[in-house]
């Protein structure tokens, strides 16, 4: 499972979001190919690798043709001859984009339009995106939905979401920060925003808040998986400090990558702990797995004087032994460890993403001599079971039936 973690210490906007994803490796040509399915012209993507505050990242922008003015938001009917939400919805629905991208994009536009309609006490039919500005709005929002699809992101976590303070001038006059549309987008949610009093301007745009509201599955939490890559997308405002969105990808499958050999060597490391809580032990096991342990677990034991305790065990590659032993000494009550080199007999394994009637998920193909079997990522099964309103057992049975009917799905 791939988790995108957004560290929004300096807010979030559409261009910061896409800039950060480009910095993580989003393919420009792949994004442009998908955006072309909208049949909207008059723009170019600008993707520039640069540095701010001695930190390198990516500056993303949508450059409009003929020096046209970019979008400053949404305006009421009558101020401009703009694209209505209905027009944009029709544009997206008639495109050749895949259904998941269409649904995400429409949800983003709908959330922004509803927020603006409430702020200005208008019907949603009276809310129009600026005629010219709608181009960059469409590119930013559709591009964000496409990017998650191209990068196969399973979930998004937003940490440290911050905005500025004071007031700013927009098309409707001077308004407080956070701006009214951003506040309205938060209504009915538990999205928490930390205000930075030293920053006297907007850090979270309505587009940025819509991305948070529609994409985020968690807030201020530690992700599962191994940190794969970190990148930065720069904002356009000068705020006196680093104005960037930091994005990181954590991959829970990296510790279960393809294995071709039938034998290997691992180090078994053990330590007895009689002064650790269950919560601390669970956190330690999670951290050890994220740091590259092949496996980690605990066993209940009884130590001297009849004290109940735990034996914390982990399997690691020999070259990682020292790193993980240091972690045990630094982050747990351990004062000594035992270690043993083991020879393992293992099944060969491949990980593959398959498309089923219930959604995409990864399967692990395991083989040894004439033995073969398939396993699933539990978290992905939980997600799909929730989406399809069925139990884990029922979903697993149905997916296995599909695989049996179409052996090419699992490649064997």
Protein backbone atom coordinates (compact mmCIF):
# COMPACT_ATOMS: atom_id res chain seq x y z
CA UNK A 1 0.00 0.00 0.00
CA UNK A 2 1.33 3.45 -0.96
CA UNK A 3 0.67 6.31 1.43
CA UNK A 4 1.23 9.94 0.45
CA UNK A 5 2.01 12.10 3.49
CA UNK A 6 1.65 15.86 3.06
CA UNK A 7 3.51 17.97 5.62
CA UNK A 8 1.56 21.22 5.14
CA UNK A 9 3.54 23.43 7.57
CA UNK A 10 3.24 26.25 5.02
CA UNK A 11 -0.27 25.54 3.80
CA UNK A 12 -1.33 24.00 0.53
CA UNK A 13 -2.45 25.07 -2.93
CA UNK A 14 -2.99 23.32 -6.24
CA UNK A 15 0.39 24.28 -7.67
CA UNK A 16 2.21 23.33 -4.43
CA UNK A 17 0.50 19.92 -4.48
CA UNK A 18 1.45 19.14 -8.08
CA UNK A 19 4.93 20.60 -7.60
CA UNK A 20 5.51 18.23 -4.68
CA UNK A 21 4.29 15.24 -6.69
CA UNK A 22 6.54 16.16 -9.60
CA UNK A 23 9.40 16.30 -7.10
CA UNK A 24 8.46 12.76 -6.03
CA UNK A 25 8.73 11.52 -9.60
CA UNK A 26 5.38 12.21 -11.27
CA UNK A 27 5.88 11.90 -15.03
CA UNK A 28 5.23 15.15 -16.87
CA UNK A 29 4.60 13.40 -20.20
CA UNK A 30 2.14 10.97 -18.58
CA UNK A 31 0.26 13.82 -16.91
CA UNK A 32 0.11 15.85 -20.14
CA UNK A 33 -1.15 12.80 -22.02
CA UNK A 34 -4.00 12.35 -19.55
CA UNK A 35 -4.84 16.07 -19.42
CA UNK A 36 -5.13 16.06 -23.22
CA UNK A 37 -8.21 13.86 -22.81
CA UNK A 38 -10.07 16.94 -21.53
CA UNK A 39 -9.78 18.62 -24.95
CA UNK A 40 -8.93 21.94 -23.28
CA UNK A 41 -6.14 24.05 -24.78
CA UNK A 42 -4.57 27.44 -24.23
CA UNK A 43 -2.05 26.48 -21.57
CA UNK A 44 1.36 24.92 -20.94
CA UNK A 45 2.77 23.21 -17.86
CA UNK A 46 5.85 24.75 -16.31
CA UNK A 47 7.83 22.35 -14.14
CA UNK A 48 11.04 23.84 -12.82
CA UNK A 49 13.49 22.30 -10.38
CA UNK A 50 14.83 25.06 -8.14
CA UNK A 51 15.83 25.86 -4.55
CA UNK A 52 14.46 28.01 -1.75
CA UNK A 53 16.15 28.43 1.63
CA UNK A 54 18.89 26.09 0.31
CA UNK A 55 16.31 23.29 -0.12
CA UNK A 56 15.71 21.90 -3.59
CA UNK A 57 12.23 21.18 -4.82
CA UNK A 58 9.89 21.80 -7.76
CA UNK A 59 8.07 24.95 -8.79
CA UNK A 60 4.92 24.10 -10.78
CA UNK A 61 2.73 26.53 -12.69
CA UNK A 62 0.10 26.58 -15.42
CA UNK A 63 1.12 29.13 -18.05
CA UNK A 64 -1.83 30.47 -20.01
CA UNK A 65 -1.57 31.42 -23.67
CA UNK A 66 -1.30 35.06 -24.82
CA UNK A 67 -0.47 36.35 -21.31
CA UNK A 68 -4.02 35.77 -20.15
CA UNK A 69 -4.91 36.48 -16.52
CA UNK A 70 -5.05 33.48 -14.23
CA UNK A 71 -7.95 32.47 -12.01
CA UNK A 72 -8.48 34.41 -8.82
CA UNK A 73 -11.21 32.10 -7.59
CA UNK A 74 -14.91 31.80 -8.34
CA UNK A 75 -17.22 34.68 -9.06
CA UNK A 76 -20.97 35.14 -8.97
CA UNK A 77 -23.01 35.04 -12.13
CA UNK A 78 -22.92 38.37 -13.94
CA UNK A 79 -19.41 39.52 -13.00
CA UNK A 80 -17.77 37.50 -15.78
CA UNK A 81 -18.84 35.23 -18.58
CA UNK A 82 -17.43 32.16 -16.90
CA UNK A 83 -17.82 28.43 -17.02
CA UNK A 84 -20.51 27.26 -14.64
CA UNK A 85 -20.10 24.14 -12.53
CA UNK A 86 -22.59 22.41 -14.85
CA UNK A 87 -20.43 23.28 -17.87
CA UNK A 88 -17.27 22.00 -16.21
CA UNK A 89 -19.07 18.85 -15.06
CA UNK A 90 -20.17 18.17 -18.63
CA UNK A 91 -16.62 18.78 -19.89
CA UNK A 92 -15.18 16.25 -17.45
CA UNK A 93 -17.91 13.63 -17.93
CA UNK A 94 -17.51 13.72 -21.73
CA UNK A 95 -13.74 13.29 -21.53
CA UNK A 96 -11.89 9.99 -21.95
CA UNK A 97 -10.43 10.13 -18.45
CA UNK A 98 -10.95 7.00 -16.35
CA UNK A 99 -13.92 6.91 -14.01
CA UNK A 100 -11.96 7.29 -10.77
CA UNK A 101 -10.25 10.45 -12.03
CA UNK A 102 -13.59 11.87 -13.20
CA UNK A 103 -15.20 11.21 -9.83
CA UNK A 104 -12.34 12.77 -7.87
CA UNK A 105 -12.22 15.84 -10.11
CA UNK A 106 -15.96 16.44 -9.99
CA UNK A 107 -15.94 16.09 -6.22
CA UNK A 108 -13.21 18.76 -5.97
CA UNK A 109 -15.10 21.24 -8.16
CA UNK A 110 -18.36 20.54 -6.39
CA UNK A 111 -16.90 21.14 -2.93
CA UNK A 112 -15.40 24.49 -3.98
CA UNK A 113 -18.57 25.63 -5.77
CA UNK A 114 -20.77 24.70 -2.80
CA UNK A 115 -18.48 26.56 -0.41
CA UNK A 116 -18.47 29.71 -2.55
CA UNK A 117 -22.23 29.52 -3.05
CA UNK A 118 -22.76 29.43 0.71
CA UNK A 119 -20.30 32.26 1.40
CA UNK A 120 -21.98 34.57 -1.16
CA UNK A 121 -25.53 33.30 -0.52
CA UNK A 122 -26.01 32.21 -4.12
CA UNK A 123 -27.36 29.11 -5.77
CA UNK A 124 -24.67 26.81 -7.09
CA UNK A 125 -26.02 27.49 -10.59
CA UNK A 126 -25.08 31.16 -10.11
CA UNK A 127 -21.46 30.36 -9.30
CA UNK A 128 -19.17 30.66 -12.32
CA UNK A 129 -15.47 29.94 -12.69
CA UNK A 130 -13.69 32.72 -14.56
CA UNK A 131 -13.67 32.05 -18.30
CA UNK A 132 -9.90 32.28 -18.67
CA UNK A 133 -9.02 31.35 -15.12
CA UNK A 134 -11.11 28.19 -15.33
CA UNK A 135 -8.38 26.74 -17.54
CA UNK A 136 -5.77 26.70 -14.80
CA UNK A 137 -8.38 25.66 -12.22
CA UNK A 138 -9.34 22.72 -14.43
CA UNK A 139 -5.70 21.78 -14.97
CA UNK A 140 -4.82 22.04 -11.26
CA UNK A 141 -7.78 20.04 -9.99
CA UNK A 142 -7.92 17.45 -12.76
CA UNK A 143 -4.12 17.18 -12.69
CA UNK A 144 -4.19 16.44 -8.96
CA UNK A 145 -6.71 13.63 -9.44
CA UNK A 146 -4.72 12.22 -12.36
CA UNK A 147 -1.47 12.39 -10.39
CA UNK A 148 -2.80 10.23 -7.55
CA UNK A 149 -3.96 7.70 -10.13
CA UNK A 150 -0.66 7.68 -12.06
CA UNK A 151 1.40 7.29 -8.89
CA UNK A 152 -0.94 4.58 -7.56
CA UNK A 153 -1.46 6.34 -4.24
CA UNK A 154 -3.73 4.32 -1.94
CA UNK A 155 -4.23 6.86 0.84
CA UNK A 156 -3.28 10.42 1.78
CA UNK A 157 -2.34 11.69 5.24
CA UNK A 158 -2.10 15.42 5.98
CA UNK A 159 0.08 16.56 8.89
CA UNK A 160 0.77 20.00 10.39
CA UNK A 161 -1.80 21.84 8.26
CA UNK A 162 -1.15 25.58 8.76
CA UNK A 163 -2.54 28.89 7.52
CA UNK A 164 -1.56 32.52 8.00
CA UNK A 165 -3.44 35.30 9.79
CA UNK A 166 -4.56 38.87 9.14
CA UNK A 167 -6.42 39.91 6.00
CA UNK A 168 -5.92 39.77 2.24
CA UNK A 169 -7.51 41.50 -0.72
CA UNK A 170 -9.44 39.36 -3.21
CA UNK A 171 -11.92 40.08 -6.00
CA UNK A 172 -14.72 40.62 -3.47
CA UNK A 173 -12.75 42.96 -1.22
CA UNK A 174 -10.70 42.56 1.94
CA UNK A 175 -11.36 39.31 3.81
CA UNK A 176 -9.87 37.60 6.86
CA UNK A 177 -7.40 34.72 6.74
CA UNK A 178 -8.27 31.86 6.60
CA UNK A 179 -10.42 33.08 3.74
CA UNK A 180 -14.21 32.47 3.93
CA UNK A 181 -14.27 29.70 1.31
CA UNK A 182 -11.56 27.79 3.18
CA UNK A 183 -13.49 28.08 6.44
CA UNK A 184 -16.68 26.92 4.73
CA UNK A 185 -14.90 23.89 3.26
CA UNK A 186 -13.99 22.88 6.82
CA UNK A 187 -17.60 22.93 8.02
CA UNK A 188 -18.78 19.47 8.99
CA UNK A 189 -15.23 18.07 9.14
CA UNK A 190 -12.59 17.52 11.81
CA UNK A 191 -9.89 19.21 9.73
CA UNK A 192 -7.68 21.12 12.16
CA UNK A 193 -5.68 24.15 11.03
CA UNK A 194 -2.78 25.67 12.97
CA UNK A 195 -2.57 29.46 12.51
CA UNK A 196 0.87 31.02 12.14
CA UNK A 197 0.63 34.56 13.60
CA UNK A 198 3.95 35.65 12.05
CA UNK A 199 2.58 35.04 8.51
CA UNK A 200 0.23 37.86 7.47
CA UNK A 201 -1.20 36.30 4.33
CA UNK A 202 -3.09 33.30 2.98
CA UNK A 203 -1.31 29.93 3.02
CA UNK A 204 -4.28 27.64 2.30
CA UNK A 205 -6.20 28.37 -0.89
CA UNK A 206 -9.73 27.06 -1.52
CA UNK A 207 -8.22 24.67 -4.07
CA UNK A 208 -5.75 23.46 -1.45
CA UNK A 209 -8.44 22.94 1.18
CA UNK A 210 -10.58 21.07 -1.35
CA UNK A 211 -7.64 18.72 -2.00
CA UNK A 212 -7.31 18.12 1.74
CA UNK A 213 -11.04 17.59 2.25
CA UNK A 214 -11.49 15.23 -0.70
CA UNK A 215 -8.21 13.28 -0.62
CA UNK A 216 -7.10 13.04 3.02
CA UNK A 217 -7.88 9.79 4.81
CA UNK A 218 -6.03 10.72 8.01
CA UNK A 219 -4.55 13.67 9.87
CA UNK A 220 -1.49 14.08 12.08
CA UNK A 221 -0.70 10.37 12.14
CA UNK A 222 2.32 8.19 11.47
CA UNK A 223 1.99 6.21 8.23
CA UNK A 224 2.56 2.49 7.80
CA UNK A 225 5.43 1.40 5.58
CA UNK A 226 8.97 2.37 4.71
CA UNK A 227 9.79 5.92 3.63
CA UNK A 228 10.47 5.68 -0.09
CA UNK A 229 11.01 9.29 -1.12
CA UNK A 230 10.50 12.90 -0.02
CA UNK A 231 9.95 16.00 -2.21
CA UNK A 232 8.96 19.67 -2.01
CA UNK A 233 6.49 21.76 -3.99
CA UNK A 234 7.06 25.51 -3.68
CA UNK A 235 4.43 28.19 -3.16
CA UNK A 236 4.43 31.55 -4.91
CA UNK A 237 4.07 33.89 -1.90
CA UNK A 238 7.03 35.39 -0.07
CA UNK A 239 6.35 34.75 3.63
CA UNK A 240 9.77 35.26 5.21
CA UNK A 241 10.41 31.53 5.60
CA UNK A 242 10.33 28.37 3.53
CA UNK A 243 7.03 28.34 1.63
CA UNK A 244 6.71 24.75 0.52
CA UNK A 245 4.58 21.66 0.78
CA UNK A 246 6.63 18.62 1.75
CA UNK A 247 5.35 15.31 0.38
CA UNK A 248 6.59 11.83 1.24
CA UNK A 249 5.70 8.38 -0.01
CA UNK A 250 5.60 5.46 2.40
CA UNK A 251 5.32 2.01 0.91
CA UNK A 252 4.14 -0.88 3.08
CA UNK A 253 5.06 -3.31 0.30
CA UNK A 254 8.76 -2.44 0.17
CA UNK A 255 9.49 -4.91 2.95
CA UNK A 256 7.79 -7.62 0.86
CA UNK A 257 9.42 -7.08 -2.52
CA UNK A 258 9.94 -9.82 -5.07
CA UNK A 259 12.11 -12.69 -3.80
CA UNK A 260 13.79 -14.97 -6.34
CA UNK A 261 15.99 -17.14 -4.09
CA UNK A 262 14.82 -20.21 -2.20
CA UNK A 263 17.27 -19.75 0.69
CA UNK A 264 18.71 -16.81 2.54
CA UNK A 265 20.33 -15.83 5.82
CA UNK A 266 18.70 -13.64 8.44
CA UNK A 267 19.69 -12.44 11.88
CA UNK A 268 17.33 -13.21 14.76
CA UNK A 269 17.55 -10.50 17.42
CA UNK A 270 15.80 -10.90 20.80
CA UNK A 271 15.52 -8.84 23.96
CA UNK A 272 13.50 -9.33 27.17
CA UNK A 273 11.46 -6.34 28.37
CA UNK A 274 9.70 -6.21 31.73
CA UNK A 275 9.07 -2.46 31.91
CA UNK A 276 7.23 -1.60 28.70
CA UNK A 277 3.51 -1.02 28.11
CA UNK A 278 1.48 -2.73 25.42
CA UNK A 279 1.14 0.55 23.53
CA UNK A 280 4.89 1.18 23.60
CA UNK A 281 5.56 -2.35 22.44
CA UNK A 282 3.14 -2.01 19.53
CA UNK A 283 4.77 1.29 18.50
CA UNK A 284 8.23 -0.30 18.67
CA UNK A 285 7.17 -3.19 16.44
CA UNK A 286 5.67 -0.77 13.91
CA UNK A 287 8.84 1.35 13.91
CA UNK A 288 11.10 -1.69 13.49
CA UNK A 289 9.11 -2.86 10.47
CA UNK A 290 9.20 0.64 8.95
CA UNK A 291 12.97 0.70 9.43
CA UNK A 292 13.43 -2.47 7.40
CA UNK A 293 13.00 -5.44 9.72
CA UNK A 294 11.74 -8.43 7.75
CA UNK A 295 9.48 -9.33 10.65
CA UNK A 296 8.96 -8.28 14.26
CA UNK A 297 6.79 -9.74 17.01
CA UNK A 298 6.46 -10.14 20.78
CA UNK A 299 6.03 -13.19 23.01
CA UNK A 300 4.73 -13.17 26.59
CA UNK A 301 7.26 -14.56 29.09
CA UNK A 302 7.78 -14.76 32.86
CA UNK A 303 11.10 -13.44 34.15
CA UNK A 304 12.86 -13.80 37.50
CA UNK A 305 10.80 -13.23 40.64
CA UNK A 306 7.69 -14.16 38.65
CA UNK A 307 7.51 -10.85 36.78
CA UNK A 308 5.40 -10.93 33.59
CA UNK A 309 7.30 -9.54 30.60
CA UNK A 310 7.64 -9.64 26.82
CA UNK A 311 10.31 -11.02 24.53
CA UNK A 312 10.68 -8.69 21.54
CA UNK A 313 11.93 -10.55 18.47
CA UNK A 314 12.88 -9.42 14.99
CA UNK A 315 14.32 -10.88 11.82
CA UNK A 316 16.69 -8.62 9.91
CA UNK A 317 19.18 -8.74 7.10
CA UNK A 318 22.67 -9.10 8.62
CA UNK A 319 23.78 -5.75 7.15
CA UNK A 320 20.93 -3.97 8.97
CA UNK A 321 21.72 -5.53 12.33
CA UNK A 322 23.62 -2.59 13.83
CA UNK A 323 21.02 0.03 12.81
CA UNK A 324 18.16 -1.86 14.43
CA UNK A 325 20.12 -2.75 17.57
CA UNK A 326 20.83 0.96 18.03
CA UNK A 327 17.10 1.62 17.70
CA UNK A 328 16.32 -0.95 20.40
CA UNK A 329 18.78 0.65 22.82
CA UNK A 330 17.61 4.20 22.03
CA UNK A 331 13.83 3.74 21.86
CA UNK A 332 13.02 0.81 24.17
CA UNK A 333 14.07 -0.16 27.73
CA UNK A 334 16.40 -2.84 26.26
CA UNK A 335 19.87 -2.98 27.86
CA UNK A 336 21.08 -6.07 26.00
CA UNK A 337 20.17 -8.18 23.00
CA UNK A 338 20.79 -11.73 21.81
CA UNK A 339 21.46 -12.46 18.17
CA UNK A 340 21.72 -15.56 16.06
CA UNK A 341 22.41 -16.10 12.36
CA UNK A 342 19.76 -18.33 10.80
CA UNK A 343 19.51 -20.14 7.48
CA UNK A 344 15.99 -19.85 6.00
CA UNK A 345 14.17 -21.91 3.44
CA UNK A 346 11.71 -19.54 1.76
CA UNK A 347 9.07 -19.44 -0.94
CA UNK A 348 9.79 -17.37 -4.02
CA UNK A 349 7.41 -14.42 -4.27
CA UNK A 350 6.18 -11.80 -6.69
CA UNK A 351 3.91 -8.84 -5.99
CA UNK A 352 1.43 -7.81 -8.66
CA UNK A 353 -1.32 -5.20 -8.92
CA UNK A 354 -4.50 -6.68 -10.36
CA UNK A 355 -7.84 -5.16 -11.37
CA UNK A 356 -10.94 -6.97 -10.07
CA UNK A 357 -14.64 -6.24 -10.18
CA UNK A 358 -14.30 -4.81 -6.68
CA UNK A 359 -11.29 -2.56 -7.28
CA UNK A 360 -7.52 -2.78 -7.65
CA UNK A 361 -5.35 -4.53 -5.10
CA UNK A 362 -1.96 -6.21 -4.77
CA UNK A 363 -1.54 -9.96 -4.61
CA UNK A 364 1.54 -11.86 -3.53
CA UNK A 365 2.27 -14.94 -5.66
CA UNK A 366 4.21 -17.54 -3.65
CA UNK A 367 5.90 -20.60 -5.18
CA UNK A 368 8.16 -23.39 -3.95
CA UNK A 369 8.89 -26.37 -6.19
CA UNK A 370 5.39 -27.50 -7.31
CA UNK A 371 3.59 -25.57 -4.57
CA UNK A 372 1.89 -22.25 -5.33
CA UNK A 373 -0.48 -19.99 -3.41
CA UNK A 374 -1.72 -16.41 -3.29
CA UNK A 375 -1.98 -13.96 -0.41
CA UNK A 376 -3.40 -10.44 -0.14
CA UNK A 377 -2.46 -7.24 1.64
CA UNK A 378 -4.86 -7.12 4.59
CA UNK A 379 -5.23 -3.32 4.60
CA UNK A 380 -6.19 -3.32 0.94
CA UNK A 381 -8.83 -5.98 1.58
CA UNK A 382 -10.24 -3.89 4.43
CA UNK A 383 -10.46 -0.82 2.16
CA UNK A 384 -12.19 -2.71 -0.66
CA UNK A 385 -14.54 -4.51 1.73
CA UNK A 386 -15.64 -1.14 3.07
CA UNK A 387 -16.14 0.29 -0.42
CA UNK A 388 -18.14 -2.76 -1.54
CA UNK A 389 -20.14 -3.10 1.69
CA UNK A 390 -19.21 -6.71 2.33
CA UNK A 391 -17.20 -8.75 4.83
CA UNK A 392 -13.50 -9.54 4.41
CA UNK A 393 -14.24 -13.26 4.07
CA UNK A 394 -16.90 -12.67 1.43
CA UNK A 395 -14.68 -10.31 -0.57
CA UNK A 396 -11.67 -12.64 -0.44
CA UNK A 397 -13.79 -15.57 -1.64
CA UNK A 398 -15.18 -13.55 -4.56
CA UNK A 399 -11.75 -12.25 -5.64
CA UNK A 400 -10.22 -15.74 -5.48
CA UNK A 401 -13.09 -16.99 -7.64
CA UNK A 402 -12.32 -14.30 -10.24
CA UNK A 403 -8.66 -15.28 -10.24
CA UNK A 404 -9.52 -18.96 -10.72
CA UNK A 405 -11.76 -18.07 -13.65
CA UNK A 406 -9.06 -15.90 -15.22
CA UNK A 407 -5.60 -17.34 -14.39
CA UNK A 408 -3.89 -14.58 -16.40
CA UNK A 409 -4.88 -12.11 -13.67
CA UNK A 410 -2.22 -13.57 -11.41
CA UNK A 411 0.28 -14.26 -14.16
CA UNK A 412 0.70 -18.00 -13.55
